[in-house]
Amino acid sequence: MELERAFGEAPAFADADGFAARVTARLDQSWSYRQVLIGGLGIAGGLIGGAQFLGSGLVTQLAAGAAQTNELIGRLAVARGSAMSAVQALTDAVMAGPTLDARILLMSVALAAVAGGLFLTRAIREI
């Protein structure tokens, strides 16, 4: 245990405080230089990356993809319009027949089914 204690503590040198002061002064002195160097290299890297990005043709590919997406959205909007008119007609036919009490009962049954589904999923998660 004595051997462990002897090597566990570093011996103090006579010039330890002076050495620490010199190292701290040297580190503090070159800090502004480091900041300028890191900032300059960051800007240079950003410019190089931007040039690579613009030169890769990605912008034109994105524009072509956007045009294709707009065309697809237009086709889907037309299909959605016809489907929505069919759903609206079905909803009108279902809701025109029953009275208000029957509609309330139908909504209550639908909400109970949703609650039962949520309860079932929670029970399955807990298993």
C-alpha atoms as a PDB file:
ATOM      1  CA  MET A   1       0.000   0.000   0.000  1.00  0.00           C
ATOM      2  CA  GLU A   2       2.925   2.315   0.677  1.00  0.00           C
ATOM      3  CA  LEU A   3       4.240   1.698  -2.826  1.00  0.00           C
ATOM      4  CA  GLU A   4       0.819   2.498  -4.287  1.00  0.00           C
ATOM      5  CA  ARG A   5       0.600   5.754  -2.301  1.00  0.00           C
ATOM      6  CA  ALA A   6       4.104   6.768  -3.344  1.00  0.00           C
ATOM      7  CA  PHE A   7       3.333   6.389  -7.032  1.00  0.00           C
ATOM      8  CA  GLY A   8      -0.243   7.671  -6.713  1.00  0.00           C
ATOM      9  CA  GLU A   9       0.855  11.210  -5.904  1.00  0.00           C
ATOM     10  CA  ALA A  10       2.954  13.079  -8.434  1.00  0.00           C
ATOM     11  CA  PRO A  11       5.981  14.820  -6.977  1.00  0.00           C
ATOM     12  CA  ALA A  12       5.853  18.608  -6.985  1.00  0.00           C
ATOM     13  CA  PHE A  13       8.545  20.327  -9.026  1.00  0.00           C
ATOM     14  CA  ALA A  14       9.994  23.689  -8.056  1.00  0.00           C
ATOM     15  CA  ASP A  15       9.040  25.351 -11.362  1.00  0.00           C
ATOM     16  CA  ALA A  16       5.507  23.862 -11.622  1.00  0.00           C
ATOM     17  CA  ASP A  17       3.755  27.210 -11.202  1.00  0.00           C
ATOM     18  CA  GLY A  18       5.984  28.923 -13.756  1.00  0.00           C
ATOM     19  CA  PHE A  19       5.479  26.098 -16.247  1.00  0.00           C
ATOM     20  CA  ALA A  20       1.688  26.265 -15.845  1.00  0.00           C
ATOM     21  CA  ALA A  21       1.757  30.055 -16.302  1.00  0.00           C
ATOM     22  CA  ARG A  22       3.862  29.760 -19.510  1.00  0.00           C
ATOM     23  CA  VAL A  23       1.565  27.097 -20.993  1.00  0.00           C
ATOM     24  CA  THR A  24      -1.562  29.109 -20.132  1.00  0.00           C
ATOM     25  CA  ALA A  25      -0.084  32.279 -21.642  1.00  0.00           C
ATOM     26  CA  ARG A  26       0.878  30.450 -24.841  1.00  0.00           C
ATOM     27  CA  LEU A  27      -2.569  28.916 -25.203  1.00  0.00           C
ATOM     28  CA  ASP A  28      -4.304  32.251 -24.571  1.00  0.00           C
ATOM     29  CA  GLN A  29      -2.018  34.054 -27.006  1.00  0.00           C
ATOM     30  CA  SER A  30      -2.838  31.868 -30.010  1.00  0.00           C
ATOM     31  CA  TRP A  31      -6.586  31.563 -29.337  1.00  0.00           C
ATOM     32  CA  SER A  32      -7.553  34.486 -31.599  1.00  0.00           C
ATOM     33  CA  TYR A  33      -5.396  33.020 -34.366  1.00  0.00           C
ATOM     34  CA  ARG A  34      -7.211  29.698 -33.996  1.00  0.00           C
ATOM     35  CA  GLN A  35     -10.599  31.388 -34.155  1.00  0.00           C
ATOM     36  CA  VAL A  36      -9.691  33.196 -37.375  1.00  0.00           C
ATOM     37  CA  LEU A  37      -8.221  30.029 -38.868  1.00  0.00           C
ATOM     38  CA  ILE A  38     -11.242  27.877 -37.990  1.00  0.00           C
ATOM     39  CA  GLY A  39     -13.680  30.509 -39.297  1.00  0.00           C
ATOM     40  CA  GLY A  40     -11.727  30.990 -42.535  1.00  0.00           C
ATOM     41  CA  LEU A  41     -11.497  27.277 -43.195  1.00  0.00           C
ATOM     42  CA  GLY A  42     -15.226  26.920 -42.471  1.00  0.00           C
ATOM     43  CA  ILE A  43     -16.070  29.609 -45.017  1.00  0.00           C
ATOM     44  CA  ALA A  44     -13.744  28.047 -47.590  1.00  0.00           C
ATOM     45  CA  GLY A  45     -15.314  24.621 -47.016  1.00  0.00           C
ATOM     46  CA  GLY A  46     -18.800  26.096 -47.361  1.00  0.00           C
ATOM     47  CA  LEU A  47     -17.894  27.739 -50.657  1.00  0.00           C
ATOM     48  CA  ILE A  48     -16.390  24.523 -52.001  1.00  0.00           C
ATOM     49  CA  GLY A  49     -19.461  22.532 -50.912  1.00  0.00           C
ATOM     50  CA  GLY A  50     -21.789  25.093 -52.505  1.00  0.00           C
ATOM     51  CA  ALA A  51     -19.873  24.948 -55.775  1.00  0.00           C
ATOM     52  CA  GLN A  52     -20.024  21.149 -55.735  1.00  0.00           C
ATOM     53  CA  PHE A  53     -23.765  21.256 -55.001  1.00  0.00           C
ATOM     54  CA  LEU A  54     -24.496  23.659 -57.839  1.00  0.00           C
ATOM     55  CA  GLY A  55     -22.218  21.799 -60.246  1.00  0.00           C
ATOM     56  CA  SER A  56     -23.793  18.406 -59.585  1.00  0.00           C
ATOM     57  CA  GLY A  57     -27.008  19.187 -61.478  1.00  0.00           C
ATOM     58  CA  LEU A  58     -29.119  18.420 -58.459  1.00  0.00           C
ATOM     59  CA  VAL A  59     -31.100  21.634 -58.862  1.00  0.00           C
ATOM     60  CA  THR A  60     -32.255  20.650 -62.368  1.00  0.00           C
ATOM     61  CA  GLN A  61     -33.139  17.144 -61.166  1.00  0.00           C
ATOM     62  CA  LEU A  62     -35.180  18.648 -58.319  1.00  0.00           C
ATOM     63  CA  ALA A  63     -37.002  20.915 -60.769  1.00  0.00           C
ATOM     64  CA  ALA A  64     -37.839  17.958 -63.029  1.00  0.00           C
ATOM     65  CA  GLY A  65     -39.012  15.960 -60.010  1.00  0.00           C
ATOM     66  CA  ALA A  66     -41.185  18.859 -58.875  1.00  0.00           C
ATOM     67  CA  ALA A  67     -42.801  19.048 -62.321  1.00  0.00           C
ATOM     68  CA  GLN A  68     -43.555  15.313 -62.237  1.00  0.00           C
ATOM     69  CA  THR A  69     -44.966  15.652 -58.732  1.00  0.00           C
ATOM     70  CA  ASN A  70     -47.233  18.525 -59.791  1.00  0.00           C
ATOM     71  CA  GLU A  71     -48.515  16.447 -62.715  1.00  0.00           C
ATOM     72  CA  LEU A  72     -49.223  13.505 -60.403  1.00  0.00           C
ATOM     73  CA  ILE A  73     -50.978  15.767 -57.895  1.00  0.00           C
ATOM     74  CA  GLY A  74     -53.181  17.092 -60.680  1.00  0.00           C
ATOM     75  CA  ARG A  75     -54.175  13.563 -61.706  1.00  0.00           C
ATOM     76  CA  LEU A  76     -54.837  12.601 -58.084  1.00  0.00           C
ATOM     77  CA  ALA A  77     -56.984  15.709 -57.576  1.00  0.00           C
ATOM     78  CA  VAL A  78     -59.173  14.707 -60.533  1.00  0.00           C
ATOM     79  CA  ALA A  79     -59.506  11.149 -59.167  1.00  0.00           C
ATOM     80  CA  ARG A  80     -60.197  12.485 -55.689  1.00  0.00           C
ATOM     81  CA  GLY A  81     -62.927  14.756 -57.011  1.00  0.00           C
ATOM     82  CA  SER A  82     -64.781  11.847 -58.604  1.00  0.00           C
ATOM     83  CA  ALA A  83     -64.293   9.663 -55.529  1.00  0.00           C
ATOM     84  CA  MET A  84     -65.447  12.437 -53.208  1.00  0.00           C
ATOM     85  CA  SER A  85     -68.596  12.972 -55.256  1.00  0.00           C
ATOM     86  CA  ALA A  86     -69.344   9.233 -54.972  1.00  0.00           C
ATOM     87  CA  VAL A  87     -68.729   9.296 -51.203  1.00  0.00           C
ATOM     88  CA  GLN A  88     -70.895  12.398 -50.846  1.00  0.00           C
ATOM     89  CA  ALA A  89     -73.714  10.734 -52.751  1.00  0.00           C
ATOM     90  CA  LEU A  90     -73.462   7.637 -50.537  1.00  0.00           C
ATOM     91  CA  THR A  91     -73.379   9.766 -47.371  1.00  0.00           C
ATOM     92  CA  ASP A  92     -76.416  11.745 -48.510  1.00  0.00           C
ATOM     93  CA  ALA A  93     -78.281   8.517 -49.258  1.00  0.00           C
ATOM     94  CA  VAL A  94     -77.431   7.021 -45.848  1.00  0.00           C
ATOM     95  CA  MET A  95     -78.203  10.177 -43.887  1.00  0.00           C
ATOM     96  CA  ALA A  96     -81.415  11.026 -45.743  1.00  0.00           C
ATOM     97  CA  GLY A  97     -83.224   7.881 -44.609  1.00  0.00           C
ATOM     98  CA  PRO A  98     -82.846   7.590 -40.820  1.00  0.00           C
ATOM     99  CA  THR A  99     -84.116  10.082 -38.305  1.00  0.00           C
ATOM    100  CA  LEU A 100     -81.936  12.125 -35.993  1.00  0.00           C
ATOM    101  CA  ASP A 101     -82.202   9.526 -33.219  1.00  0.00           C
ATOM    102  CA  ALA A 102     -81.002   6.772 -35.542  1.00  0.00           C
ATOM    103  CA  ARG A 103     -78.045   8.905 -36.652  1.00  0.00           C
ATOM    104  CA  ILE A 104     -77.073   9.567 -33.024  1.00  0.00           C
ATOM    105  CA  LEU A 105     -77.309   5.836 -32.290  1.00  0.00           C
ATOM    106  CA  LEU A 106     -75.196   5.051 -35.379  1.00  0.00           C
ATOM    107  CA  MET A 107     -72.530   7.575 -34.291  1.00  0.00           C
ATOM    108  CA  SER A 108     -72.518   6.136 -30.775  1.00  0.00           C
ATOM    109  CA  VAL A 109     -71.974   2.620 -32.138  1.00  0.00           C
ATOM    110  CA  ALA A 110     -69.145   3.877 -34.373  1.00  0.00           C
ATOM    111  CA  LEU A 111     -67.453   5.662 -31.460  1.00  0.00           C
ATOM    112  CA  ALA A 112     -67.840   2.559 -29.297  1.00  0.00           C
ATOM    113  CA  ALA A 113     -66.160   0.505 -32.030  1.00  0.00           C
ATOM    114  CA  VAL A 114     -63.265   2.990 -32.145  1.00  0.00           C
ATOM    115  CA  ALA A 115     -62.942   2.903 -28.341  1.00  0.00           C
ATOM    116  CA  GLY A 116     -62.957  -0.902 -28.415  1.00  0.00           C
ATOM    117  CA  GLY A 117     -60.202  -0.886 -31.025  1.00  0.00           C
ATOM    118  CA  LEU A 118     -58.109   1.487 -28.928  1.00  0.00           C
ATOM    119  CA  PHE A 119     -58.656  -0.682 -25.850  1.00  0.00           C
ATOM    120  CA  LEU A 120     -57.641  -3.785 -27.804  1.00  0.00           C
ATOM    121  CA  THR A 121     -54.429  -2.192 -29.077  1.00  0.00           C
ATOM    122  CA  ARG A 122     -53.527  -1.047 -25.570  1.00  0.00           C
ATOM    123  CA  ALA A 123     -54.208  -4.515 -24.169  1.00  0.00           C
ATOM    124  CA  ILE A 124     -52.026  -6.085 -26.852  1.00  0.00           C
ATOM    125  CA  ARG A 125     -49.175  -3.669 -26.050  1.00  0.00           C
ATOM    126  CA  GLU A 126     -49.336  -4.534 -22.367  1.00  0.00           C
ATOM    127  CA  ILE A 127     -49.084  -8.277 -23.002  1.00  0.00           C
END
